[in-house]
Each structure stands twice: as structure tokens, then as C-alpha cells.
């Protein structure tokens, strides 16, 4: 049987619906790439886990906090020069990929690119940075309008993926990037992938994004000999997702209207059909 392991930040919740005895997800809250390359406790944890088993596939899903939160923290908390922020940013990304390339006991390594920023309104994003604990309210109020604009955030994600891709080629690591598959004609994340119940949420719709991964660069996860058949995965999503959404809603939302957001197996199957159709046209 194949052994699969995924390391990452909260975005590894995308794969929570995949259950298998040889499938392991390790989530590190708000983990920064800088911490990994400095060999912090998260890195030591990864090493300890990998020392105990051999894995056929290893997925690494870090980068969202570095891609955008890192910038705001360095500029508006640490008062760093913008040019220096960019130089360190580029160096850290390559060091991260090099670190992954040197990890032992994984046959096939995949680094996952960051997905486009969810459509949080510019001023709401100021509030989001305080909700996620990146900035205080006073610090967030100092952010310029230019630094809050969606296009600014979008371009940082594009740059990040470009550096990741170049570094993965250099160190011979599989790069899985579904960025463009999630965009609409306005270069914003398609409504299929948006979460509607919280205007400050930077996460995306897990069911829909999982289906994109399974239909593109991570198709091996949908192999019936490894996990479930495609139909089984869709059914499992219904059973597992509600628990995650409730937890996410409790932590990040400012009200308690989760019951207004109903998960529905027919809706999820609809997602699958619409997304598959969209993917075929790209």
C-alpha cells in the first residue's frame, strides 16, 4: 500500500476529506517558511515524523502566510524597507524548496503553489489582518490604500508561485500549481471557490478546490487503489466538511449564522460537474 503524507498550514484542510490508514496530514498553525529554514520546532517535528517511516508521496503546502501576511508584518510592524523585504522574500522561497529537496524518506515530493487570494474587499482585508493576529488595529490602520488593493495582493501571489516554480525546477521537485484554474475572466477567484459566510475569511471552498487538485496535478490521490473512487470521495466530502466549516466559522467569524450555510451532496456533485467542465475548457 502507498504511504502519503502532507505537511502544511491550515490550507491542508483541503485534503481532510481523504481518509486512509496510510494517509497522514500534519498541520502547523500559521507556519512560516522562515521558521522552517531556521530549523524551528515545526522543522524538527517534520524530521522526527519522517525518520519513523518511508513515504511514497510527500506534499508540502506552505506559503500563504509568507506570500501576503509576511509583507504586512515586515512593513507595518517591523518597519522594514520594502526593497529589503522583497530580497529576503525571494531568498527564503528558494531556501524552502532546497530544504524540502533535502528531506529524507519520501520518494516523490510535491510542493503546492499558493492559490489566488479570496475576494476580501480591500477595507475588509484591513480587518482580516487583525482577526488573523498579523497586525493590531492601530498597525492595520496605517496600511496604505495601494497595499490593500486586490491587484497588489494578487500580484504577490503570482510572484510567489513564479519563484516556487523556478526553484522546484532547480531542485527537481514536482510543482503543483492550480492558480489559473481557479480564476474567472476578471482574474479573481471564481465564485465556485469562494466561501460566502464570512467577509473576512481568506480561505476557499474546500470541496471545490479538492476536486480541482484531484483532476489535475494530484490525480494519484483519486486512484481507487490508493484512496477512494471518485464517487466515494464526493460522498466523503459531505460527511467530513461540515465539521471543518463549523470549526472555521467559530474561530474566524464575527457572528453565529453557520446554520444559514447548508452542505448538500447534490450541490457538491454539481460543483464537480461545473468544475470539470471549466477545467476541460482551459
C-alpha atoms as a PDB file:
ATOM      1  CA  UNK A   1       0.000   0.000   0.000  1.00  0.00           C
ATOM      2  CA  UNK A   2       1.137   3.538  -0.789  1.00  0.00           C
ATOM      3  CA  UNK A   3       2.057   5.836   2.094  1.00  0.00           C
ATOM      4  CA  UNK A   4       1.200   9.531   1.653  1.00  0.00           C
ATOM      5  CA  UNK A   5       1.967  12.456   3.947  1.00  0.00           C
ATOM      6  CA  UNK A   6       1.032  16.147   3.719  1.00  0.00           C
ATOM      7  CA  UNK A   7       2.714  18.951   5.659  1.00  0.00           C
ATOM      8  CA  UNK A   8       1.392  22.496   5.692  1.00  0.00           C
ATOM      9  CA  UNK A   9      -0.598  25.338   7.225  1.00  0.00           C
ATOM     10  CA  UNK A  10      -4.396  25.490   7.627  1.00  0.00           C
ATOM     11  CA  UNK A  11      -4.766  25.080   3.857  1.00  0.00           C
ATOM     12  CA  UNK A  12      -4.015  21.351   4.244  1.00  0.00           C
ATOM     13  CA  UNK A  13      -7.632  21.164   5.446  1.00  0.00           C
ATOM     14  CA  UNK A  14      -8.411  20.951   1.729  1.00  0.00           C
ATOM     15  CA  UNK A  15      -7.452  17.277   1.998  1.00  0.00           C
ATOM     16  CA  UNK A  16      -9.261  16.411   5.234  1.00  0.00           C
ATOM     17  CA  UNK A  17     -11.950  14.528   3.367  1.00  0.00           C
ATOM     18  CA  UNK A  18      -9.442  11.941   2.155  1.00  0.00           C
ATOM     19  CA  UNK A  19      -9.290   9.215   4.772  1.00  0.00           C
ATOM     20  CA  UNK A  20      -6.982   6.243   4.540  1.00  0.00           C
ATOM     21  CA  UNK A  21      -4.866   4.282   7.007  1.00  0.00           C
ATOM     22  CA  UNK A  22      -1.658   5.148   5.146  1.00  0.00           C
ATOM     23  CA  UNK A  23      -2.585   8.810   4.601  1.00  0.00           C
ATOM     24  CA  UNK A  24      -1.284  11.384   7.114  1.00  0.00           C
ATOM     25  CA  UNK A  25      -1.911  15.138   7.378  1.00  0.00           C
ATOM     26  CA  UNK A  26       0.316  17.267   9.611  1.00  0.00           C
ATOM     27  CA  UNK A  27      -0.917  20.838  10.117  1.00  0.00           C
ATOM     28  CA  UNK A  28       1.142  23.632  11.641  1.00  0.00           C
ATOM     29  CA  UNK A  29      -0.822  26.714  12.650  1.00  0.00           C
ATOM     30  CA  UNK A  30       0.341  29.824  10.788  1.00  0.00           C
ATOM     31  CA  UNK A  31       3.676  28.181   9.985  1.00  0.00           C
ATOM     32  CA  UNK A  32       6.105  30.456   8.199  1.00  0.00           C
ATOM     33  CA  UNK A  33       8.676  29.318   5.657  1.00  0.00           C
ATOM     34  CA  UNK A  34      11.256  31.408   7.515  1.00  0.00           C
ATOM     35  CA  UNK A  35      10.780  29.264  10.606  1.00  0.00           C
ATOM     36  CA  UNK A  36      11.313  26.055   8.641  1.00  0.00           C
ATOM     37  CA  UNK A  37      14.557  27.225   7.058  1.00  0.00           C
ATOM     38  CA  UNK A  38      15.740  28.363  10.501  1.00  0.00           C
ATOM     39  CA  UNK A  39      15.161  24.755  11.662  1.00  0.00           C
ATOM     40  CA  UNK A  40      12.480  25.677  14.208  1.00  0.00           C
ATOM     41  CA  UNK A  41      10.236  23.247  16.136  1.00  0.00           C
ATOM     42  CA  UNK A  42       7.996  22.685  13.094  1.00  0.00           C
ATOM     43  CA  UNK A  43      11.018  21.601  11.069  1.00  0.00           C
ATOM     44  CA  UNK A  44      12.203  19.316  13.882  1.00  0.00           C
ATOM     45  CA  UNK A  45       8.714  17.816  14.035  1.00  0.00           C
ATOM     46  CA  UNK A  46       8.835  17.073  10.290  1.00  0.00           C
ATOM     47  CA  UNK A  47      12.222  15.383  10.656  1.00  0.00           C
ATOM     48  CA  UNK A  48      11.034  13.249  13.590  1.00  0.00           C
ATOM     49  CA  UNK A  49       7.974  12.107  11.660  1.00  0.00           C
ATOM     50  CA  UNK A  50       9.935  11.279   8.505  1.00  0.00           C
ATOM     51  CA  UNK A  51      12.574   9.358  10.473  1.00  0.00           C
ATOM     52  CA  UNK A  52       9.939   6.830  11.530  1.00  0.00           C
ATOM     53  CA  UNK A  53       8.505   5.846   8.120  1.00  0.00           C
ATOM     54  CA  UNK A  54       9.135   5.729   4.406  1.00  0.00           C
ATOM     55  CA  UNK A  55       6.611   7.584   2.220  1.00  0.00           C
ATOM     56  CA  UNK A  56       5.788   7.178  -1.452  1.00  0.00           C
ATOM     57  CA  UNK A  57       4.394  10.702  -1.718  1.00  0.00           C
ATOM     58  CA  UNK A  58       5.033  13.857   0.315  1.00  0.00           C
ATOM     59  CA  UNK A  59       3.075  17.072  -0.256  1.00  0.00           C
ATOM     60  CA  UNK A  60       4.198  20.428   1.119  1.00  0.00           C
ATOM     61  CA  UNK A  61       1.629  23.214   1.389  1.00  0.00           C
ATOM     62  CA  UNK A  62       3.355  26.225   2.922  1.00  0.00           C
ATOM     63  CA  UNK A  63       3.372  29.762   1.656  1.00  0.00           C
ATOM     64  CA  UNK A  64       0.068  31.582   2.145  1.00  0.00           C
ATOM     65  CA  UNK A  65       1.223  33.398   5.337  1.00  0.00           C
ATOM     66  CA  UNK A  66       4.587  34.208   3.721  1.00  0.00           C
ATOM     67  CA  UNK A  67       3.024  35.354   0.495  1.00  0.00           C
ATOM     68  CA  UNK A  68       0.930  38.142   1.985  1.00  0.00           C
ATOM     69  CA  UNK A  69       0.877  38.270   5.808  1.00  0.00           C
ATOM     70  CA  UNK A  70       4.684  38.336   5.852  1.00  0.00           C
ATOM     71  CA  UNK A  71       4.743  41.528   3.778  1.00  0.00           C
ATOM     72  CA  UNK A  72       2.363  43.418   6.045  1.00  0.00           C
ATOM     73  CA  UNK A  73       4.131  42.311   9.197  1.00  0.00           C
ATOM     74  CA  UNK A  74       7.602  43.248   7.939  1.00  0.00           C
ATOM     75  CA  UNK A  75       6.474  46.627   6.603  1.00  0.00           C
ATOM     76  CA  UNK A  76       3.960  47.762   9.216  1.00  0.00           C
ATOM     77  CA  UNK A  77       5.229  46.049  12.365  1.00  0.00           C
ATOM     78  CA  UNK A  78       8.982  45.719  11.846  1.00  0.00           C
ATOM     79  CA  UNK A  79       9.249  48.902   9.712  1.00  0.00           C
ATOM     80  CA  UNK A  80      11.461  47.175   7.141  1.00  0.00           C
ATOM     81  CA  UNK A  81      12.456  48.747   3.838  1.00  0.00           C
ATOM     82  CA  UNK A  82      10.244  47.454   1.006  1.00  0.00           C
ATOM     83  CA  UNK A  83      13.175  46.529  -1.251  1.00  0.00           C
ATOM     84  CA  UNK A  84      14.800  44.533   1.542  1.00  0.00           C
ATOM     85  CA  UNK A  85      11.505  42.748   2.217  1.00  0.00           C
ATOM     86  CA  UNK A  86      11.410  41.583  -1.410  1.00  0.00           C
ATOM     87  CA  UNK A  87      15.043  40.434  -1.477  1.00  0.00           C
ATOM     88  CA  UNK A  88      14.657  38.356   1.690  1.00  0.00           C
ATOM     89  CA  UNK A  89      11.311  37.049   0.430  1.00  0.00           C
ATOM     90  CA  UNK A  90      12.873  35.644  -2.768  1.00  0.00           C
ATOM     91  CA  UNK A  91      15.798  34.101  -0.907  1.00  0.00           C
ATOM     92  CA  UNK A  92      13.546  32.443   1.665  1.00  0.00           C
ATOM     93  CA  UNK A  93      11.385  30.816  -1.008  1.00  0.00           C
ATOM     94  CA  UNK A  94      14.377  29.170  -2.680  1.00  0.00           C
ATOM     95  CA  UNK A  95      15.774  28.079   0.699  1.00  0.00           C
ATOM     96  CA  UNK A  96      12.416  26.474   1.481  1.00  0.00           C
ATOM     97  CA  UNK A  97      12.436  24.460  -1.746  1.00  0.00           C
ATOM     98  CA  UNK A  98      16.053  23.418  -1.124  1.00  0.00           C
ATOM     99  CA  UNK A  99      15.084  22.300   2.388  1.00  0.00           C
ATOM    100  CA  UNK A 100      12.280  20.128   1.011  1.00  0.00           C
ATOM    101  CA  UNK A 101      14.656  18.629  -1.550  1.00  0.00           C
ATOM    102  CA  UNK A 102      16.965  17.512   1.259  1.00  0.00           C
ATOM    103  CA  UNK A 103      14.283  15.768   3.342  1.00  0.00           C
ATOM    104  CA  UNK A 104      14.723  12.002   3.503  1.00  0.00           C
ATOM    105  CA  UNK A 105      12.331   9.051   3.287  1.00  0.00           C
ATOM    106  CA  UNK A 106       9.996  10.498   0.605  1.00  0.00           C
ATOM    107  CA  UNK A 107      10.097   9.030  -2.914  1.00  0.00           C
ATOM    108  CA  UNK A 108       8.000  11.684  -4.686  1.00  0.00           C
ATOM    109  CA  UNK A 109       7.902  15.246  -3.372  1.00  0.00           C
ATOM    110  CA  UNK A 110       5.300  17.792  -4.405  1.00  0.00           C
ATOM    111  CA  UNK A 111       5.323  21.466  -3.463  1.00  0.00           C
ATOM    112  CA  UNK A 112       1.898  23.061  -3.848  1.00  0.00           C
ATOM    113  CA  UNK A 113       1.665  26.612  -5.139  1.00  0.00           C
ATOM    114  CA  UNK A 114      -0.434  29.184  -3.353  1.00  0.00           C
ATOM    115  CA  UNK A 115      -3.940  29.760  -4.672  1.00  0.00           C
ATOM    116  CA  UNK A 116      -5.241  33.208  -5.675  1.00  0.00           C
ATOM    117  CA  UNK A 117      -6.412  35.422  -2.796  1.00  0.00           C
ATOM    118  CA  UNK A 118     -10.062  35.054  -1.969  1.00  0.00           C
ATOM    119  CA  UNK A 119     -12.082  38.126  -2.791  1.00  0.00           C
ATOM    120  CA  UNK A 120     -11.979  40.021   0.502  1.00  0.00           C
ATOM    121  CA  UNK A 121     -12.883  43.673  -0.066  1.00  0.00           C
ATOM    122  CA  UNK A 122      -9.921  45.997   0.316  1.00  0.00           C
ATOM    123  CA  UNK A 123     -11.080  47.613   3.570  1.00  0.00           C
ATOM    124  CA  UNK A 124     -12.289  44.266   4.929  1.00  0.00           C
ATOM    125  CA  UNK A 125      -8.788  42.931   4.384  1.00  0.00           C
ATOM    126  CA  UNK A 126      -7.531  45.501   6.879  1.00  0.00           C
ATOM    127  CA  UNK A 127      -9.888  43.952   9.446  1.00  0.00           C
ATOM    128  CA  UNK A 128      -8.918  40.420   8.388  1.00  0.00           C
ATOM    129  CA  UNK A 129      -5.281  41.099   9.265  1.00  0.00           C
ATOM    130  CA  UNK A 130      -6.323  41.865  12.838  1.00  0.00           C
ATOM    131  CA  UNK A 131      -8.630  38.835  13.066  1.00  0.00           C
ATOM    132  CA  UNK A 132      -5.796  36.525  11.996  1.00  0.00           C
ATOM    133  CA  UNK A 133      -3.460  38.156  14.512  1.00  0.00           C
ATOM    134  CA  UNK A 134      -0.990  39.552  11.974  1.00  0.00           C
ATOM    135  CA  UNK A 135      -1.436  43.208  12.955  1.00  0.00           C
ATOM    136  CA  UNK A 136      -3.032  45.188  15.742  1.00  0.00           C
ATOM    137  CA  UNK A 137      -5.866  47.536  14.850  1.00  0.00           C
ATOM    138  CA  UNK A 138      -3.539  50.552  15.070  1.00  0.00           C
ATOM    139  CA  UNK A 139      -0.978  48.880  12.789  1.00  0.00           C
ATOM    140  CA  UNK A 140      -3.653  47.847  10.288  1.00  0.00           C
ATOM    141  CA  UNK A 141      -4.965  51.404  10.111  1.00  0.00           C
ATOM    142  CA  UNK A 142      -1.548  52.541   8.833  1.00  0.00           C
ATOM    143  CA  UNK A 143      -1.712  50.353   5.709  1.00  0.00           C
ATOM    144  CA  UNK A 144      -1.876  52.444   2.551  1.00  0.00           C
ATOM    145  CA  UNK A 145      -4.742  52.014   0.098  1.00  0.00           C
ATOM    146  CA  UNK A 146      -2.257  50.797  -2.512  1.00  0.00           C
ATOM    147  CA  UNK A 147      -1.095  47.977  -0.222  1.00  0.00           C
ATOM    148  CA  UNK A 148      -4.685  46.901   0.419  1.00  0.00           C
ATOM    149  CA  UNK A 149      -5.794  46.727  -3.202  1.00  0.00           C
ATOM    150  CA  UNK A 150      -6.751  43.327  -4.569  1.00  0.00           C
ATOM    151  CA  UNK A 151      -4.404  43.700  -7.534  1.00  0.00           C
ATOM    152  CA  UNK A 152      -1.475  44.262  -5.191  1.00  0.00           C
ATOM    153  CA  UNK A 153      -2.318  41.089  -3.259  1.00  0.00           C
ATOM    154  CA  UNK A 154      -2.943  39.166  -6.480  1.00  0.00           C
ATOM    155  CA  UNK A 155       0.443  40.121  -7.923  1.00  0.00           C
ATOM    156  CA  UNK A 156       2.246  38.955  -4.784  1.00  0.00           C
ATOM    157  CA  UNK A 157       0.672  35.521  -5.192  1.00  0.00           C
ATOM    158  CA  UNK A 158       1.741  35.439  -8.848  1.00  0.00           C
ATOM    159  CA  UNK A 159       5.326  36.350  -7.921  1.00  0.00           C
ATOM    160  CA  UNK A 160       5.405  33.778  -5.163  1.00  0.00           C
ATOM    161  CA  UNK A 161       4.319  30.959  -7.477  1.00  0.00           C
ATOM    162  CA  UNK A 162       6.834  32.019 -10.107  1.00  0.00           C
ATOM    163  CA  UNK A 163       9.715  31.801  -7.631  1.00  0.00           C
ATOM    164  CA  UNK A 164       8.401  28.485  -6.333  1.00  0.00           C
ATOM    165  CA  UNK A 165       8.209  27.056  -9.838  1.00  0.00           C
ATOM    166  CA  UNK A 166      11.718  28.182 -10.763  1.00  0.00           C
ATOM    167  CA  UNK A 167      13.136  26.799  -7.522  1.00  0.00           C
ATOM    168  CA  UNK A 168      11.312  23.472  -7.918  1.00  0.00           C
ATOM    169  CA  UNK A 169      12.875  23.060 -11.381  1.00  0.00           C
ATOM    170  CA  UNK A 170      16.287  23.829  -9.937  1.00  0.00           C
ATOM    171  CA  UNK A 171      15.947  21.215  -7.171  1.00  0.00           C
ATOM    172  CA  UNK A 172      13.996  18.670  -9.212  1.00  0.00           C
ATOM    173  CA  UNK A 173      10.767  18.787  -7.184  1.00  0.00           C
ATOM    174  CA  UNK A 174       7.259  18.387  -8.590  1.00  0.00           C
ATOM    175  CA  UNK A 175       5.424  21.716  -8.572  1.00  0.00           C
ATOM    176  CA  UNK A 176       1.633  21.587  -8.350  1.00  0.00           C
ATOM    177  CA  UNK A 177       0.047  24.915  -9.271  1.00  0.00           C
ATOM    178  CA  UNK A 178      -3.723  25.210  -9.775  1.00  0.00           C
ATOM    179  CA  UNK A 179      -3.721  29.031  -9.545  1.00  0.00           C
ATOM    180  CA  UNK A 180      -5.060  29.773 -13.047  1.00  0.00           C
ATOM    181  CA  UNK A 181      -7.677  27.033 -12.847  1.00  0.00           C
ATOM    182  CA  UNK A 182      -9.403  28.885 -10.010  1.00  0.00           C
ATOM    183  CA  UNK A 183      -9.726  32.260 -11.747  1.00  0.00           C
ATOM    184  CA  UNK A 184     -12.680  33.811 -13.527  1.00  0.00           C
ATOM    185  CA  UNK A 185     -12.431  36.154 -16.540  1.00  0.00           C
ATOM    186  CA  UNK A 186     -11.686  39.104 -14.227  1.00  0.00           C
ATOM    187  CA  UNK A 187      -8.621  37.420 -12.741  1.00  0.00           C
ATOM    188  CA  UNK A 188     -10.415  36.891  -9.438  1.00  0.00           C
ATOM    189  CA  UNK A 189     -11.139  33.617  -7.751  1.00  0.00           C
ATOM    190  CA  UNK A 190     -14.201  32.078  -9.382  1.00  0.00           C
ATOM    191  CA  UNK A 191     -17.391  32.167  -7.314  1.00  0.00           C
ATOM    192  CA  UNK A 192     -17.361  28.359  -7.290  1.00  0.00           C
ATOM    193  CA  UNK A 193     -14.418  28.504  -4.903  1.00  0.00           C
ATOM    194  CA  UNK A 194     -15.464  31.356  -2.621  1.00  0.00           C
ATOM    195  CA  UNK A 195     -16.772  30.980   0.911  1.00  0.00           C
ATOM    196  CA  UNK A 196     -19.803  33.199   1.412  1.00  0.00           C
ATOM    197  CA  UNK A 197     -20.476  33.211   5.139  1.00  0.00           C
ATOM    198  CA  UNK A 198     -17.580  35.364   6.336  1.00  0.00           C
ATOM    199  CA  UNK A 199     -16.385  38.556   4.569  1.00  0.00           C
ATOM    200  CA  UNK A 200     -13.004  38.355   6.353  1.00  0.00           C
ATOM    201  CA  UNK A 201     -12.154  34.745   5.519  1.00  0.00           C
ATOM    202  CA  UNK A 202      -9.008  34.218   3.423  1.00  0.00           C
ATOM    203  CA  UNK A 203      -9.772  30.509   2.918  1.00  0.00           C
ATOM    204  CA  UNK A 204     -11.579  28.948  -0.030  1.00  0.00           C
ATOM    205  CA  UNK A 205     -14.273  26.340  -0.646  1.00  0.00           C
ATOM    206  CA  UNK A 206     -12.654  23.053   0.293  1.00  0.00           C
ATOM    207  CA  UNK A 207     -14.926  20.742  -1.671  1.00  0.00           C
ATOM    208  CA  UNK A 208     -14.461  22.595  -4.926  1.00  0.00           C
ATOM    209  CA  UNK A 209     -10.691  23.092  -4.662  1.00  0.00           C
ATOM    210  CA  UNK A 210     -10.134  19.457  -3.699  1.00  0.00           C
ATOM    211  CA  UNK A 211     -11.868  18.394  -6.887  1.00  0.00           C
ATOM    212  CA  UNK A 212      -9.529  20.613  -8.918  1.00  0.00           C
ATOM    213  CA  UNK A 213      -6.485  19.048  -7.275  1.00  0.00           C
ATOM    214  CA  UNK A 214      -7.801  15.536  -7.945  1.00  0.00           C
ATOM    215  CA  UNK A 215      -8.391  16.388 -11.599  1.00  0.00           C
ATOM    216  CA  UNK A 216      -5.010  17.973 -12.215  1.00  0.00           C
ATOM    217  CA  UNK A 217      -1.555  17.546 -10.700  1.00  0.00           C
ATOM    218  CA  UNK A 218      -2.590  15.340  -7.752  1.00  0.00           C
ATOM    219  CA  UNK A 219      -4.696  12.832  -9.638  1.00  0.00           C
ATOM    220  CA  UNK A 220      -2.851   9.968  -7.916  1.00  0.00           C
ATOM    221  CA  UNK A 221      -4.820  10.829  -4.748  1.00  0.00           C
ATOM    222  CA  UNK A 222      -8.019   9.774  -6.501  1.00  0.00           C
ATOM    223  CA  UNK A 223      -6.653   6.423  -7.621  1.00  0.00           C
ATOM    224  CA  UNK A 224      -9.054   3.793  -6.305  1.00  0.00           C
ATOM    225  CA  UNK A 225      -6.097   1.625  -5.320  1.00  0.00           C
ATOM    226  CA  UNK A 226      -4.744   4.385  -3.076  1.00  0.00           C
ATOM    227  CA  UNK A 227      -7.757   6.088  -1.561  1.00  0.00           C
ATOM    228  CA  UNK A 228     -11.316   6.074  -2.808  1.00  0.00           C
ATOM    229  CA  UNK A 229     -13.078   6.018  -6.117  1.00  0.00           C
ATOM    230  CA  UNK A 230     -14.155   9.438  -7.370  1.00  0.00           C
ATOM    231  CA  UNK A 231     -17.735   8.832  -6.231  1.00  0.00           C
ATOM    232  CA  UNK A 232     -16.581   7.762  -2.772  1.00  0.00           C
ATOM    233  CA  UNK A 233     -14.521  10.942  -2.410  1.00  0.00           C
ATOM    234  CA  UNK A 234     -17.538  13.122  -3.217  1.00  0.00           C
ATOM    235  CA  UNK A 235     -19.621  11.265  -0.629  1.00  0.00           C
ATOM    236  CA  UNK A 236     -16.839  11.522   1.961  1.00  0.00           C
ATOM    237  CA  UNK A 237     -16.638  15.273   1.432  1.00  0.00           C
ATOM    238  CA  UNK A 238     -20.249  15.596   2.574  1.00  0.00           C
ATOM    239  CA  UNK A 239     -19.516  13.705   5.794  1.00  0.00           C
ATOM    240  CA  UNK A 240     -16.284  15.442   6.734  1.00  0.00           C
ATOM    241  CA  UNK A 241     -16.638  19.053   5.599  1.00  0.00           C
ATOM    242  CA  UNK A 242     -19.388  20.226   7.947  1.00  0.00           C
ATOM    243  CA  UNK A 243     -17.213  19.601  11.000  1.00  0.00           C
ATOM    244  CA  UNK A 244     -14.405  21.685   9.497  1.00  0.00           C
ATOM    245  CA  UNK A 245     -16.673  24.520   8.423  1.00  0.00           C
ATOM    246  CA  UNK A 246     -18.218  24.763  11.871  1.00  0.00           C
ATOM    247  CA  UNK A 247     -14.796  24.979  13.478  1.00  0.00           C
ATOM    248  CA  UNK A 248     -13.544  27.534  10.964  1.00  0.00           C
ATOM    249  CA  UNK A 249     -16.709  29.568  11.372  1.00  0.00           C
ATOM    250  CA  UNK A 250     -16.464  29.542  15.174  1.00  0.00           C
ATOM    251  CA  UNK A 251     -12.874  30.791  15.110  1.00  0.00           C
ATOM    252  CA  UNK A 252     -12.964  33.376  12.355  1.00  0.00           C
ATOM    253  CA  UNK A 253     -16.468  34.740  12.051  1.00  0.00           C
ATOM    254  CA  UNK A 254     -17.935  37.640  13.992  1.00  0.00           C
ATOM    255  CA  UNK A 255     -21.418  36.131  14.230  1.00  0.00           C
ATOM    256  CA  UNK A 256     -23.017  32.718  14.589  1.00  0.00           C
ATOM    257  CA  UNK A 257     -25.093  32.128  11.487  1.00  0.00           C
ATOM    258  CA  UNK A 258     -23.442  28.892  10.428  1.00  0.00           C
ATOM    259  CA  UNK A 259     -26.843  27.214  10.114  1.00  0.00           C
ATOM    260  CA  UNK A 260     -27.513  29.510   7.169  1.00  0.00           C
ATOM    261  CA  UNK A 261     -24.755  27.673   5.304  1.00  0.00           C
ATOM    262  CA  UNK A 262     -26.023  24.207   4.402  1.00  0.00           C
ATOM    263  CA  UNK A 263     -23.861  21.474   2.915  1.00  0.00           C
ATOM    264  CA  UNK A 264     -25.664  19.369   0.384  1.00  0.00           C
ATOM    265  CA  UNK A 265     -24.392  16.322  -1.523  1.00  0.00           C
ATOM    266  CA  UNK A 266     -26.238  17.355  -4.704  1.00  0.00           C
ATOM    267  CA  UNK A 267     -24.674  20.805  -4.516  1.00  0.00           C
ATOM    268  CA  UNK A 268     -21.233  19.233  -4.118  1.00  0.00           C
ATOM    269  CA  UNK A 269     -21.796  16.909  -7.098  1.00  0.00           C
ATOM    270  CA  UNK A 270     -22.901  19.990  -9.016  1.00  0.00           C
ATOM    271  CA  UNK A 271     -19.619  21.643  -8.087  1.00  0.00           C
ATOM    272  CA  UNK A 272     -17.786  18.646  -9.509  1.00  0.00           C
ATOM    273  CA  UNK A 273     -19.623  18.761 -12.820  1.00  0.00           C
ATOM    274  CA  UNK A 274     -19.247  22.520 -13.253  1.00  0.00           C
ATOM    275  CA  UNK A 275     -15.578  22.495 -12.296  1.00  0.00           C
ATOM    276  CA  UNK A 276     -14.793  19.572 -14.580  1.00  0.00           C
ATOM    277  CA  UNK A 277     -16.482  21.429 -17.420  1.00  0.00           C
ATOM    278  CA  UNK A 278     -14.467  24.563 -16.635  1.00  0.00           C
ATOM    279  CA  UNK A 279     -11.204  22.580 -16.498  1.00  0.00           C
ATOM    280  CA  UNK A 280     -11.887  20.961 -19.861  1.00  0.00           C
ATOM    281  CA  UNK A 281     -12.275  24.388 -21.437  1.00  0.00           C
ATOM    282  CA  UNK A 282      -8.888  25.625 -20.158  1.00  0.00           C
END
